[in-house]
Amino acid sequence: MTIELASAENAENPGSTGSTTGASAAGEGPAALALLAQQVRDLVDAVVLTGVPQDEIVEITAELAVLTDRLRALRRTSRHPLAFDPEGVPRHAGNAVTGSANPYALPLVSQVTPDGTIRAELSFRQVHEGPPTSVHGGVSAMILDHVLGQAVAVAGGAGMTGTLTLRYVRRVPYGEPLVATAEYVRSEGRKSWAEGRIALPDGTPLVEATGLFVTPRAWTEEVTGAQ
């Protein structure tokens, strides 16, 4: 098997149009690390669906243990660096939702529309299954928590999640194209609200969410002090 670094660069910049946040933002993590993360995602999918004999599984497990030790030979002493996209939204390659270098992430790639709406086309995998043939509700919640937070950040009220309220309207399928969107609603002091949803491409809602985000006092004081 031949691995091309260009594949990793394509993974980090999948050709989305418009302003983007998430894994497609330029300069987020080395291309080789992004490619490794994608290979691990493929590995996880393969583990979930494998039907190979037990002796083959044992042999593969031993090989993976060797590779894991090689990766542990030199470990980071800090997290991936934090950066900000043109809209002022924080991002980093290790993010659990958007991180190009995090195998756990989809990674989610979102766009900011002219009216400030966050929009992301996505497709869950079988590894995200909860109820049979459906995505786990907690995974849907994680995606919505992220895009709601992005909507608030784009509006200038970046904060930490205070409350997240969800309404599961219909089952969320995996392996099918879906769309996640979120819009900023309003702010009161350090509190900001946003609404969002995961829907089918035709707009049929599957999960709806409302989130309250609170800007930490330390963040406010830092911005005020810098002015």
C-alpha atoms as a PDB file:
ATOM      1  CA  MET A   1       0.000   0.000   0.000  1.00  0.00           C
ATOM      2  CA  THR A   2       1.306   3.438  -0.949  1.00  0.00           C
ATOM      3  CA  ILE A   3       0.439   6.457   1.172  1.00  0.00           C
ATOM      4  CA  GLU A   4       0.636   9.942  -0.283  1.00  0.00           C
ATOM      5  CA  LEU A   5       0.918  13.017   1.944  1.00  0.00           C
ATOM      6  CA  ALA A   6      -1.284  14.838  -0.558  1.00  0.00           C
ATOM      7  CA  SER A   7      -4.126  12.678   0.700  1.00  0.00           C
ATOM      8  CA  ALA A   8      -3.677  14.145   4.157  1.00  0.00           C
ATOM      9  CA  GLU A   9      -3.658  17.666   2.806  1.00  0.00           C
ATOM     10  CA  ASN A  10      -6.902  16.930   0.989  1.00  0.00           C
ATOM     11  CA  ALA A  11      -8.352  15.595   4.232  1.00  0.00           C
ATOM     12  CA  GLU A  12      -7.510  18.872   5.957  1.00  0.00           C
ATOM     13  CA  ASN A  13      -8.934  20.925   3.077  1.00  0.00           C
ATOM     14  CA  PRO A  14     -11.723  18.920   1.441  1.00  0.00           C
ATOM     15  CA  GLY A  15     -12.718  21.657  -0.971  1.00  0.00           C
ATOM     16  CA  SER A  16     -15.510  23.309   0.983  1.00  0.00           C
ATOM     17  CA  THR A  17     -16.639  26.680  -0.320  1.00  0.00           C
ATOM     18  CA  GLY A  18     -17.154  29.844   1.696  1.00  0.00           C
ATOM     19  CA  SER A  19     -15.716  30.615   5.105  1.00  0.00           C
ATOM     20  CA  THR A  20     -14.909  27.444   6.990  1.00  0.00           C
ATOM     21  CA  THR A  21     -14.217  26.385  10.528  1.00  0.00           C
ATOM     22  CA  GLY A  22     -12.902  23.067  11.789  1.00  0.00           C
ATOM     23  CA  ALA A  23     -10.548  20.644  10.116  1.00  0.00           C
ATOM     24  CA  SER A  24     -10.467  22.502   6.803  1.00  0.00           C
ATOM     25  CA  ALA A  25      -8.942  25.667   8.277  1.00  0.00           C
ATOM     26  CA  ALA A  26      -5.451  26.258   6.954  1.00  0.00           C
ATOM     27  CA  GLY A  27      -2.441  25.233   9.010  1.00  0.00           C
ATOM     28  CA  GLU A  28      -4.239  22.942  11.418  1.00  0.00           C
ATOM     29  CA  GLY A  29      -1.808  20.167  12.232  1.00  0.00           C
ATOM     30  CA  PRO A  30       0.897  18.494  10.116  1.00  0.00           C
ATOM     31  CA  ALA A  31      -0.382  16.711   7.026  1.00  0.00           C
ATOM     32  CA  ALA A  32       1.258  13.436   8.068  1.00  0.00           C
ATOM     33  CA  LEU A  33      -0.486  13.476  11.449  1.00  0.00           C
ATOM     34  CA  ALA A  34      -3.848  14.200   9.805  1.00  0.00           C
ATOM     35  CA  LEU A  35      -3.283  11.242   7.497  1.00  0.00           C
ATOM     36  CA  LEU A  36      -2.411   9.006  10.448  1.00  0.00           C
ATOM     37  CA  ALA A  37      -5.597  10.093  12.239  1.00  0.00           C
ATOM     38  CA  GLN A  38      -7.677   9.236   9.168  1.00  0.00           C
ATOM     39  CA  GLN A  39      -6.024   5.837   8.927  1.00  0.00           C
ATOM     40  CA  VAL A  40      -6.951   5.190  12.565  1.00  0.00           C
ATOM     41  CA  ARG A  41     -10.571   6.152  11.793  1.00  0.00           C
ATOM     42  CA  ASP A  42     -10.516   3.586   8.983  1.00  0.00           C
ATOM     43  CA  LEU A  43      -9.043   1.055  11.402  1.00  0.00           C
ATOM     44  CA  VAL A  44     -11.796   1.658  13.947  1.00  0.00           C
ATOM     45  CA  ASP A  45     -14.454   1.196  11.269  1.00  0.00           C
ATOM     46  CA  ALA A  46     -12.771  -2.016  10.204  1.00  0.00           C
ATOM     47  CA  VAL A  47     -12.683  -3.321  13.799  1.00  0.00           C
ATOM     48  CA  VAL A  48     -16.396  -2.674  14.260  1.00  0.00           C
ATOM     49  CA  LEU A  49     -17.302  -4.573  11.088  1.00  0.00           C
ATOM     50  CA  THR A  50     -14.583  -7.232  10.882  1.00  0.00           C
ATOM     51  CA  GLY A  51     -15.446 -10.850  10.348  1.00  0.00           C
ATOM     52  CA  VAL A  52     -11.919 -12.262  10.065  1.00  0.00           C
ATOM     53  CA  PRO A  53     -11.009 -15.390  12.079  1.00  0.00           C
ATOM     54  CA  GLN A  54      -9.925 -15.098  15.710  1.00  0.00           C
ATOM     55  CA  ASP A  55      -6.319 -16.105  15.003  1.00  0.00           C
ATOM     56  CA  GLU A  56      -6.091 -13.269  12.477  1.00  0.00           C
ATOM     57  CA  ILE A  57      -7.462 -10.839  15.076  1.00  0.00           C
ATOM     58  CA  VAL A  58      -4.845 -11.991  17.588  1.00  0.00           C
ATOM     59  CA  GLU A  59      -2.046 -11.472  15.052  1.00  0.00           C
ATOM     60  CA  ILE A  60      -3.300  -8.009  14.063  1.00  0.00           C
ATOM     61  CA  THR A  61      -3.606  -7.033  17.717  1.00  0.00           C
ATOM     62  CA  ALA A  62       0.050  -7.905  18.284  1.00  0.00           C
ATOM     63  CA  GLU A  63       1.080  -5.843  15.252  1.00  0.00           C
ATOM     64  CA  LEU A  64      -0.941  -2.879  16.485  1.00  0.00           C
ATOM     65  CA  ALA A  65       0.698  -3.117  19.908  1.00  0.00           C
ATOM     66  CA  VAL A  66       4.093  -2.687  18.238  1.00  0.00           C
ATOM     67  CA  LEU A  67       2.885   0.354  16.282  1.00  0.00           C
ATOM     68  CA  THR A  68       1.385   1.871  19.424  1.00  0.00           C
ATOM     69  CA  ASP A  69       4.724   1.561  21.214  1.00  0.00           C
ATOM     70  CA  ARG A  70       6.435   3.309  18.289  1.00  0.00           C
ATOM     71  CA  LEU A  71       4.034   6.251  18.580  1.00  0.00           C
ATOM     72  CA  ARG A  72       4.614   6.406  22.350  1.00  0.00           C
ATOM     73  CA  ALA A  73       8.376   6.670  21.866  1.00  0.00           C
ATOM     74  CA  LEU A  74       8.085  10.449  21.841  1.00  0.00           C
ATOM     75  CA  ARG A  75       5.051  12.100  23.398  1.00  0.00           C
ATOM     76  CA  ARG A  76       3.828  15.678  23.401  1.00  0.00           C
ATOM     77  CA  THR A  77       4.098  17.591  26.669  1.00  0.00           C
ATOM     78  CA  SER A  78       1.238  19.927  25.710  1.00  0.00           C
ATOM     79  CA  ARG A  79      -1.963  19.850  23.702  1.00  0.00           C
ATOM     80  CA  HIS A  80      -2.121  20.892  20.068  1.00  0.00           C
ATOM     81  CA  PRO A  81      -1.784  24.678  19.731  1.00  0.00           C
ATOM     82  CA  LEU A  82      -4.946  26.757  19.755  1.00  0.00           C
ATOM     83  CA  ALA A  83      -5.618  28.994  16.751  1.00  0.00           C
ATOM     84  CA  PHE A  84      -8.427  31.235  15.569  1.00  0.00           C
ATOM     85  CA  ASP A  85     -10.081  31.250  12.150  1.00  0.00           C
ATOM     86  CA  PRO A  86     -11.043  34.491  10.336  1.00  0.00           C
ATOM     87  CA  GLU A  87     -14.381  34.584  12.195  1.00  0.00           C
ATOM     88  CA  GLY A  88     -12.610  34.470  15.558  1.00  0.00           C
ATOM     89  CA  VAL A  89     -13.658  30.897  16.354  1.00  0.00           C
ATOM     90  CA  PRO A  90     -11.060  28.904  18.341  1.00  0.00           C
ATOM     91  CA  ARG A  91      -9.920  25.641  16.820  1.00  0.00           C
ATOM     92  CA  HIS A  92      -7.176  23.080  17.233  1.00  0.00           C
ATOM     93  CA  ALA A  93      -6.135  19.850  15.593  1.00  0.00           C
ATOM     94  CA  GLY A  94      -6.907  17.821  18.722  1.00  0.00           C
ATOM     95  CA  ASN A  95     -10.566  18.879  18.997  1.00  0.00           C
ATOM     96  CA  ALA A  96     -12.933  15.944  19.570  1.00  0.00           C
ATOM     97  CA  VAL A  97     -15.366  17.186  16.909  1.00  0.00           C
ATOM     98  CA  THR A  98     -13.298  19.038  14.296  1.00  0.00           C
ATOM     99  CA  GLY A  99      -9.701  17.990  14.946  1.00  0.00           C
ATOM    100  CA  SER A 100      -7.841  16.777  11.869  1.00  0.00           C
ATOM    101  CA  ALA A 101      -5.314  15.054  14.159  1.00  0.00           C
ATOM    102  CA  ASN A 102      -7.897  13.464  16.458  1.00  0.00           C
ATOM    103  CA  PRO A 103      -9.038  10.010  15.258  1.00  0.00           C
ATOM    104  CA  TYR A 104     -12.155  10.333  17.435  1.00  0.00           C
ATOM    105  CA  ALA A 105     -13.372  13.355  15.438  1.00  0.00           C
ATOM    106  CA  LEU A 106     -15.482  12.975  12.276  1.00  0.00           C
ATOM    107  CA  PRO A 107     -13.787  15.467  11.619  1.00  0.00           C
ATOM    108  CA  LEU A 108     -16.623  17.968  11.216  1.00  0.00           C
ATOM    109  CA  VAL A 109     -16.095  20.712   8.631  1.00  0.00           C
ATOM    110  CA  SER A 110     -18.439  23.675   8.899  1.00  0.00           C
ATOM    111  CA  GLN A 111     -19.145  26.841   6.973  1.00  0.00           C
ATOM    112  CA  VAL A 112     -20.250  30.282   8.116  1.00  0.00           C
ATOM    113  CA  THR A 113     -22.931  31.608   5.786  1.00  0.00           C
ATOM    114  CA  PRO A 114     -23.287  35.340   5.051  1.00  0.00           C
ATOM    115  CA  ASP A 115     -26.046  35.629   7.673  1.00  0.00           C
ATOM    116  CA  GLY A 116     -23.856  34.046  10.368  1.00  0.00           C
ATOM    117  CA  THR A 117     -25.442  30.592  10.302  1.00  0.00           C
ATOM    118  CA  ILE A 118     -23.156  27.643  10.963  1.00  0.00           C
ATOM    119  CA  ARG A 119     -23.699  24.864   8.417  1.00  0.00           C
ATOM    120  CA  ALA A 120     -21.986  21.488   8.219  1.00  0.00           C
ATOM    121  CA  GLU A 121     -22.636  18.567   5.918  1.00  0.00           C
ATOM    122  CA  LEU A 122     -21.853  15.294   7.659  1.00  0.00           C
ATOM    123  CA  SER A 123     -22.348  11.573   7.612  1.00  0.00           C
ATOM    124  CA  PHE A 124     -22.064   9.397  10.712  1.00  0.00           C
ATOM    125  CA  ARG A 125     -20.473   5.958  10.631  1.00  0.00           C
ATOM    126  CA  GLN A 126     -21.550   2.666  12.146  1.00  0.00           C
ATOM    127  CA  VAL A 127     -19.032   3.244  14.928  1.00  0.00           C
ATOM    128  CA  HIS A 128     -21.447   5.987  16.118  1.00  0.00           C
ATOM    129  CA  GLU A 129     -24.329   3.553  16.529  1.00  0.00           C
ATOM    130  CA  GLY A 130     -26.575   3.641  19.590  1.00  0.00           C
ATOM    131  CA  PRO A 131     -29.992   2.090  18.951  1.00  0.00           C
ATOM    132  CA  PRO A 132     -29.913  -0.422  16.074  1.00  0.00           C
ATOM    133  CA  THR A 133     -29.293   1.325  12.721  1.00  0.00           C
ATOM    134  CA  SER A 134     -29.291   4.718  14.468  1.00  0.00           C
ATOM    135  CA  VAL A 135     -26.707   7.182  15.772  1.00  0.00           C
ATOM    136  CA  HIS A 136     -26.215   7.337  19.547  1.00  0.00           C
ATOM    137  CA  GLY A 137     -28.058  10.303  21.025  1.00  0.00           C
ATOM    138  CA  GLY A 138     -24.941  11.457  22.849  1.00  0.00           C
ATOM    139  CA  VAL A 139     -23.027  11.704  19.576  1.00  0.00           C
ATOM    140  CA  SER A 140     -25.770  13.886  18.080  1.00  0.00           C
ATOM    141  CA  ALA A 141     -25.630  16.044  21.214  1.00  0.00           C
ATOM    142  CA  MET A 142     -21.855  16.478  20.865  1.00  0.00           C
ATOM    143  CA  ILE A 143     -22.179  17.695  17.277  1.00  0.00           C
ATOM    144  CA  LEU A 144     -24.960  20.127  18.174  1.00  0.00           C
ATOM    145  CA  ASP A 145     -23.093  21.410  21.217  1.00  0.00           C
ATOM    146  CA  HIS A 146     -20.197  22.250  18.931  1.00  0.00           C
ATOM    147  CA  VAL A 147     -22.087  24.008  16.125  1.00  0.00           C
ATOM    148  CA  LEU A 148     -24.191  25.994  18.623  1.00  0.00           C
ATOM    149  CA  GLY A 149     -21.006  27.114  20.326  1.00  0.00           C
ATOM    150  CA  GLN A 150     -19.579  28.116  16.946  1.00  0.00           C
ATOM    151  CA  ALA A 151     -22.674  30.208  16.175  1.00  0.00           C
ATOM    152  CA  VAL A 152     -22.277  32.073  19.459  1.00  0.00           C
ATOM    153  CA  ALA A 153     -18.538  32.568  18.882  1.00  0.00           C
ATOM    154  CA  VAL A 154     -19.098  33.954  15.377  1.00  0.00           C
ATOM    155  CA  ALA A 155     -21.570  36.442  16.882  1.00  0.00           C
ATOM    156  CA  GLY A 156     -18.864  37.612  19.265  1.00  0.00           C
ATOM    157  CA  GLY A 157     -19.979  35.846  22.443  1.00  0.00           C
ATOM    158  CA  ALA A 158     -17.641  32.865  22.685  1.00  0.00           C
ATOM    159  CA  GLY A 159     -18.262  30.895  25.867  1.00  0.00           C
ATOM    160  CA  MET A 160     -18.538  27.556  27.626  1.00  0.00           C
ATOM    161  CA  THR A 161     -21.690  25.450  27.475  1.00  0.00           C
ATOM    162  CA  GLY A 162     -24.019  26.248  30.378  1.00  0.00           C
ATOM    163  CA  THR A 163     -27.021  24.193  29.360  1.00  0.00           C
ATOM    164  CA  LEU A 164     -27.852  22.125  26.304  1.00  0.00           C
ATOM    165  CA  THR A 165     -31.467  21.141  25.682  1.00  0.00           C
ATOM    166  CA  LEU A 166     -32.268  18.601  22.976  1.00  0.00           C
ATOM    167  CA  ARG A 167     -35.420  17.270  21.379  1.00  0.00           C
ATOM    168  CA  TYR A 168     -34.998  14.017  19.482  1.00  0.00           C
ATOM    169  CA  VAL A 169     -37.623  14.222  16.734  1.00  0.00           C
ATOM    170  CA  ARG A 170     -36.691  11.246  14.555  1.00  0.00           C
ATOM    171  CA  ARG A 171     -33.970   8.624  14.525  1.00  0.00           C
ATOM    172  CA  VAL A 172     -30.621   9.806  13.172  1.00  0.00           C
ATOM    173  CA  PRO A 173     -29.296   7.340  10.568  1.00  0.00           C
ATOM    174  CA  TYR A 174     -25.636   6.621   9.954  1.00  0.00           C
ATOM    175  CA  GLY A 175     -24.150   6.236   6.498  1.00  0.00           C
ATOM    176  CA  GLU A 176     -26.464   8.853   5.010  1.00  0.00           C
ATOM    177  CA  PRO A 177     -25.869  12.541   4.189  1.00  0.00           C
ATOM    178  CA  LEU A 178     -27.110  14.907   6.895  1.00  0.00           C
ATOM    179  CA  VAL A 179     -26.851  18.625   7.629  1.00  0.00           C
ATOM    180  CA  ALA A 180     -26.163  20.317  10.969  1.00  0.00           C
ATOM    181  CA  THR A 181     -27.006  24.027  11.313  1.00  0.00           C
ATOM    182  CA  ALA A 182     -26.980  26.550  14.157  1.00  0.00           C
ATOM    183  CA  GLU A 183     -27.902  30.205  14.609  1.00  0.00           C
ATOM    184  CA  TYR A 184     -27.099  32.749  17.290  1.00  0.00           C
ATOM    185  CA  VAL A 185     -30.266  34.004  19.038  1.00  0.00           C
ATOM    186  CA  ARG A 186     -29.422  36.647  21.657  1.00  0.00           C
ATOM    187  CA  SER A 187     -27.130  37.702  24.519  1.00  0.00           C
ATOM    188  CA  GLU A 188     -27.570  39.089  28.023  1.00  0.00           C
ATOM    189  CA  GLY A 189     -24.319  40.117  29.647  1.00  0.00           C
ATOM    190  CA  ARG A 190     -21.993  37.112  29.626  1.00  0.00           C
ATOM    191  CA  LYS A 191     -24.808  34.749  28.561  1.00  0.00           C
ATOM    192  CA  SER A 192     -25.596  33.903  24.938  1.00  0.00           C
ATOM    193  CA  TRP A 193     -28.174  31.592  23.349  1.00  0.00           C
ATOM    194  CA  ALA A 194     -28.193  29.651  20.091  1.00  0.00           C
ATOM    195  CA  GLU A 195     -30.500  27.205  18.354  1.00  0.00           C
ATOM    196  CA  GLY A 196     -29.631  24.401  15.965  1.00  0.00           C
ATOM    197  CA  ARG A 197     -30.595  21.092  14.478  1.00  0.00           C
ATOM    198  CA  ILE A 198     -29.435  17.995  12.635  1.00  0.00           C
ATOM    199  CA  ALA A 199     -31.646  17.396   9.609  1.00  0.00           C
ATOM    200  CA  LEU A 200     -31.971  15.472   6.386  1.00  0.00           C
ATOM    201  CA  PRO A 201     -30.778  17.317   3.262  1.00  0.00           C
ATOM    202  CA  ASP A 202     -34.398  18.270   2.498  1.00  0.00           C
ATOM    203  CA  GLY A 203     -34.657  20.061   5.847  1.00  0.00           C
ATOM    204  CA  THR A 204     -36.584  17.388   7.757  1.00  0.00           C
ATOM    205  CA  PRO A 205     -35.463  17.837  11.401  1.00  0.00           C
ATOM    206  CA  LEU A 206     -34.061  14.841  13.273  1.00  0.00           C
ATOM    207  CA  VAL A 207     -32.675  16.482  16.420  1.00  0.00           C
ATOM    208  CA  GLU A 208     -33.304  20.052  17.606  1.00  0.00           C
ATOM    209  CA  ALA A 209     -31.264  21.861  20.230  1.00  0.00           C
ATOM    210  CA  THR A 210     -31.068  25.056  22.244  1.00  0.00           C
ATOM    211  CA  GLY A 211     -27.900  26.010  24.065  1.00  0.00           C
ATOM    212  CA  LEU A 212     -26.907  28.572  26.682  1.00  0.00           C
ATOM    213  CA  PHE A 213     -23.235  29.599  26.595  1.00  0.00           C
ATOM    214  CA  VAL A 214     -21.494  31.609  29.296  1.00  0.00           C
ATOM    215  CA  THR A 215     -18.362  33.661  28.664  1.00  0.00           C
ATOM    216  CA  PRO A 216     -15.961  33.070  31.588  1.00  0.00           C
ATOM    217  CA  ARG A 217     -15.103  36.231  33.534  1.00  0.00           C
ATOM    218  CA  ALA A 218     -11.422  35.590  32.863  1.00  0.00           C
ATOM    219  CA  TRP A 219     -12.060  35.769  29.105  1.00  0.00           C
ATOM    220  CA  THR A 220     -14.013  39.015  29.484  1.00  0.00           C
ATOM    221  CA  GLU A 221     -11.332  40.555  31.677  1.00  0.00           C
ATOM    222  CA  GLU A 222      -8.611  39.522  29.240  1.00  0.00           C
ATOM    223  CA  VAL A 223     -10.410  41.193  26.318  1.00  0.00           C
ATOM    224  CA  THR A 224     -11.207  44.303  28.345  1.00  0.00           C
ATOM    225  CA  GLY A 225      -7.650  44.595  29.551  1.00  0.00           C
ATOM    226  CA  ALA A 226      -6.322  44.300  26.025  1.00  0.00           C
ATOM    227  CA  GLN A 227      -8.403  47.234  24.800  1.00  0.00           C
END
